[in-house]
Amino acid sequence: MIEIIVGQNNLEKAMRVLKRKLIREGVFKELKSRRFYEKPSERRKRKDKEAQKKRRKEVDRARRFSS
């Protein structure tokens, strides 16, 4: 559950905070992916690509911090 508090009637700031939290949770990505049917083979390929990208990022981060 996501809870946002609007302080001093600052609705724009609360909306920005909510949007940022939804992006971090992956809600927008999920909505976009569910817009159209994705074949199981396409889903596997996408998941594999995402996993490779994640591993590559972790290796790059490790290299930067070890240097």
N, C-alpha and C. Protein backbone atom coordinates (compact mmCIF):
# COMPACT_ATOMS: atom_id res chain seq x y z
N MET A 1 0.84 -1.17 0.00
CA MET A 1 0.00 0.00 0.00
C MET A 1 0.89 1.24 0.00
N ILE A 2 0.57 2.18 -0.85
CA ILE A 2 1.33 3.42 -0.96
C ILE A 2 0.53 4.54 -0.33
N GLU A 3 1.18 5.27 0.54
CA GLU A 3 0.49 6.36 1.24
C GLU A 3 1.23 7.67 0.97
N ILE A 4 0.49 8.67 0.51
CA ILE A 4 1.05 9.99 0.22
C ILE A 4 0.30 11.01 1.06
N ILE A 5 1.02 11.88 1.73
CA ILE A 5 0.41 12.92 2.55
C ILE A 5 0.56 14.25 1.84
N VAL A 6 -0.57 14.97 1.70
CA VAL A 6 -0.56 16.28 1.06
C VAL A 6 -0.42 17.32 2.16
N GLY A 7 0.71 18.03 2.13
CA GLY A 7 0.96 19.05 3.13
C GLY A 7 0.76 20.44 2.58
N GLN A 8 0.09 21.28 3.33
CA GLN A 8 -0.13 22.69 2.98
C GLN A 8 -0.78 22.83 1.60
N ASN A 9 -1.72 21.95 1.30
CA ASN A 9 -2.46 21.98 0.02
C ASN A 9 -1.55 21.97 -1.20
N ASN A 10 -0.37 21.36 -1.08
CA ASN A 10 0.58 21.29 -2.18
C ASN A 10 0.33 19.99 -2.96
N LEU A 11 -0.69 20.03 -3.81
CA LEU A 11 -1.11 18.84 -4.54
C LEU A 11 -0.09 18.43 -5.60
N GLU A 12 0.54 19.41 -6.28
CA GLU A 12 1.51 19.08 -7.33
C GLU A 12 2.69 18.28 -6.76
N LYS A 13 3.17 18.68 -5.60
CA LYS A 13 4.29 17.97 -4.98
C LYS A 13 3.88 16.54 -4.60
N ALA A 14 2.67 16.41 -4.07
CA ALA A 14 2.18 15.08 -3.71
C ALA A 14 2.04 14.19 -4.95
N MET A 15 1.60 14.77 -6.06
CA MET A 15 1.46 14.00 -7.29
C MET A 15 2.83 13.55 -7.80
N ARG A 16 3.85 14.43 -7.71
CA ARG A 16 5.20 14.06 -8.14
C ARG A 16 5.74 12.92 -7.28
N VAL A 17 5.50 13.00 -5.97
CA VAL A 17 5.97 11.96 -5.06
C VAL A 17 5.29 10.63 -5.38
N LEU A 18 3.97 10.69 -5.62
CA LEU A 18 3.22 9.48 -5.96
C LEU A 18 3.73 8.87 -7.26
N LYS A 19 3.94 9.70 -8.28
CA LYS A 19 4.43 9.19 -9.56
C LYS A 19 5.80 8.54 -9.39
N ARG A 20 6.68 9.16 -8.63
CA ARG A 20 8.01 8.60 -8.40
C ARG A 20 7.92 7.24 -7.71
N LYS A 21 7.03 7.14 -6.71
CA LYS A 21 6.87 5.86 -6.01
C LYS A 21 6.29 4.79 -6.92
N LEU A 22 5.34 5.17 -7.78
CA LEU A 22 4.75 4.20 -8.71
C LEU A 22 5.78 3.71 -9.72
N ILE A 23 6.65 4.61 -10.17
CA ILE A 23 7.71 4.22 -11.10
C ILE A 23 8.66 3.24 -10.43
N ARG A 24 9.04 3.54 -9.18
CA ARG A 24 9.95 2.64 -8.44
C ARG A 24 9.33 1.26 -8.23
N GLU A 25 8.02 1.22 -8.00
CA GLU A 25 7.32 -0.04 -7.78
C GLU A 25 7.16 -0.83 -9.08
N GLY A 26 7.29 -0.15 -10.23
CA GLY A 26 7.15 -0.82 -11.51
C GLY A 26 5.73 -0.88 -12.02
N VAL A 27 4.85 -0.05 -11.49
CA VAL A 27 3.44 -0.07 -11.88
C VAL A 27 3.27 0.34 -13.33
N PHE A 28 3.93 1.40 -13.75
CA PHE A 28 3.78 1.88 -15.12
C PHE A 28 4.34 0.87 -16.12
N LYS A 29 5.45 0.24 -15.77
CA LYS A 29 6.03 -0.77 -16.64
C LYS A 29 5.08 -1.96 -16.78
N GLU A 30 4.45 -2.34 -15.68
CA GLU A 30 3.50 -3.45 -15.70
C GLU A 30 2.28 -3.11 -16.56
N LEU A 31 1.76 -1.91 -16.41
CA LEU A 31 0.61 -1.49 -17.22
C LEU A 31 0.95 -1.50 -18.70
N LYS A 32 2.13 -1.01 -19.04
CA LYS A 32 2.55 -0.96 -20.43
C LYS A 32 2.69 -2.38 -21.00
N SER A 33 3.24 -3.28 -20.20
CA SER A 33 3.45 -4.64 -20.70
C SER A 33 2.13 -5.40 -20.85
N ARG A 34 1.13 -5.05 -20.06
CA ARG A 34 -0.16 -5.75 -20.14
C ARG A 34 -1.11 -5.17 -21.18
N ARG A 35 -0.69 -4.12 -21.85
CA ARG A 35 -1.53 -3.49 -22.87
C ARG A 35 -1.84 -4.44 -24.02
N PHE A 36 -0.84 -5.22 -24.42
CA PHE A 36 -1.00 -6.16 -25.53
C PHE A 36 -0.55 -7.54 -25.07
N TYR A 37 -1.07 -8.56 -25.72
CA TYR A 37 -0.69 -9.92 -25.40
C TYR A 37 0.76 -10.17 -25.80
N GLU A 38 1.47 -10.82 -24.91
CA GLU A 38 2.87 -11.16 -25.18
C GLU A 38 2.99 -12.68 -25.21
N LYS A 39 3.46 -13.19 -26.33
CA LYS A 39 3.61 -14.64 -26.46
C LYS A 39 4.64 -15.14 -25.45
N PRO A 40 4.47 -16.38 -24.97
CA PRO A 40 5.42 -16.92 -23.99
C PRO A 40 6.87 -16.89 -24.47
N SER A 41 7.10 -17.14 -25.76
CA SER A 41 8.48 -17.13 -26.27
C SER A 41 9.04 -15.70 -26.21
N GLU A 42 8.20 -14.70 -26.52
CA GLU A 42 8.65 -13.31 -26.44
C GLU A 42 8.92 -12.91 -25.00
N ARG A 43 8.09 -13.40 -24.09
CA ARG A 43 8.27 -13.09 -22.67
C ARG A 43 9.60 -13.64 -22.17
N ARG A 44 9.92 -14.90 -22.58
CA ARG A 44 11.19 -15.50 -22.17
C ARG A 44 12.37 -14.69 -22.69
N LYS A 45 12.30 -14.29 -23.96
CA LYS A 45 13.38 -13.50 -24.56
C LYS A 45 13.55 -12.17 -23.82
N ARG A 46 12.43 -11.51 -23.49
CA ARG A 46 12.49 -10.23 -22.80
C ARG A 46 13.09 -10.40 -21.41
N LYS A 47 12.65 -11.44 -20.71
CA LYS A 47 13.17 -11.68 -19.36
C LYS A 47 14.67 -11.97 -19.41
N ASP A 48 15.12 -12.75 -20.39
CA ASP A 48 16.55 -13.05 -20.53
C ASP A 48 17.35 -11.77 -20.79
N LYS A 49 16.82 -10.90 -21.68
CA LYS A 49 17.50 -9.64 -21.97
C LYS A 49 17.59 -8.77 -20.72
N GLU A 50 16.49 -8.70 -19.94
CA GLU A 50 16.48 -7.91 -18.72
C GLU A 50 17.49 -8.45 -17.71
N ALA A 51 17.58 -9.77 -17.61
CA ALA A 51 18.52 -10.38 -16.67
C ALA A 51 19.96 -10.08 -17.08
N GLN A 52 20.25 -10.16 -18.40
CA GLN A 52 21.59 -9.83 -18.88
C GLN A 52 21.94 -8.38 -18.58
N LYS A 53 20.99 -7.49 -18.82
CA LYS A 53 21.21 -6.07 -18.57
C LYS A 53 21.49 -5.82 -17.07
N LYS A 54 20.73 -6.50 -16.22
CA LYS A 54 20.91 -6.35 -14.77
C LYS A 54 22.29 -6.85 -14.34
N ARG A 55 22.70 -8.01 -14.88
CA ARG A 55 24.02 -8.55 -14.54
C ARG A 55 25.14 -7.63 -15.01
N ARG A 56 24.98 -7.09 -16.24
CA ARG A 56 25.98 -6.18 -16.78
C ARG A 56 26.11 -4.93 -15.91
N LYS A 57 24.98 -4.40 -15.44
CA LYS A 57 25.00 -3.22 -14.58
C LYS A 57 25.72 -3.52 -13.26
N GLU A 58 25.44 -4.71 -12.69
CA GLU A 58 26.07 -5.08 -11.42
C GLU A 58 27.58 -5.20 -11.59
N VAL A 59 28.02 -5.79 -12.70
CA VAL A 59 29.46 -5.94 -12.95
C VAL A 59 30.10 -4.56 -13.11
N ASP A 60 29.45 -3.68 -13.86
CA ASP A 60 29.98 -2.33 -14.05
C ASP A 60 30.09 -1.59 -12.72
N ARG A 61 29.05 -1.71 -11.87
CA ARG A 61 29.09 -1.06 -10.56
C ARG A 61 30.23 -1.61 -9.71
N ALA A 62 30.40 -2.92 -9.74
CA ALA A 62 31.47 -3.56 -8.96
C ALA A 62 32.83 -3.06 -9.43
N ARG A 63 33.00 -2.92 -10.74
CA ARG A 63 34.27 -2.43 -11.27
C ARG A 63 34.54 -1.00 -10.83
N ARG A 64 33.49 -0.18 -10.87
CA ARG A 64 33.67 1.24 -10.49
C ARG A 64 34.06 1.39 -9.03
N PHE A 65 33.42 0.60 -8.15
CA PHE A 65 33.69 0.74 -6.72
C PHE A 65 35.00 0.07 -6.31
N SER A 66 35.45 -0.93 -7.05
CA SER A 66 36.70 -1.60 -6.70
C SER A 66 37.93 -0.81 -7.16
N SER A 67 37.74 0.09 -8.12
CA SER A 67 38.87 0.87 -8.63
C SER A 67 39.30 1.96 -7.70
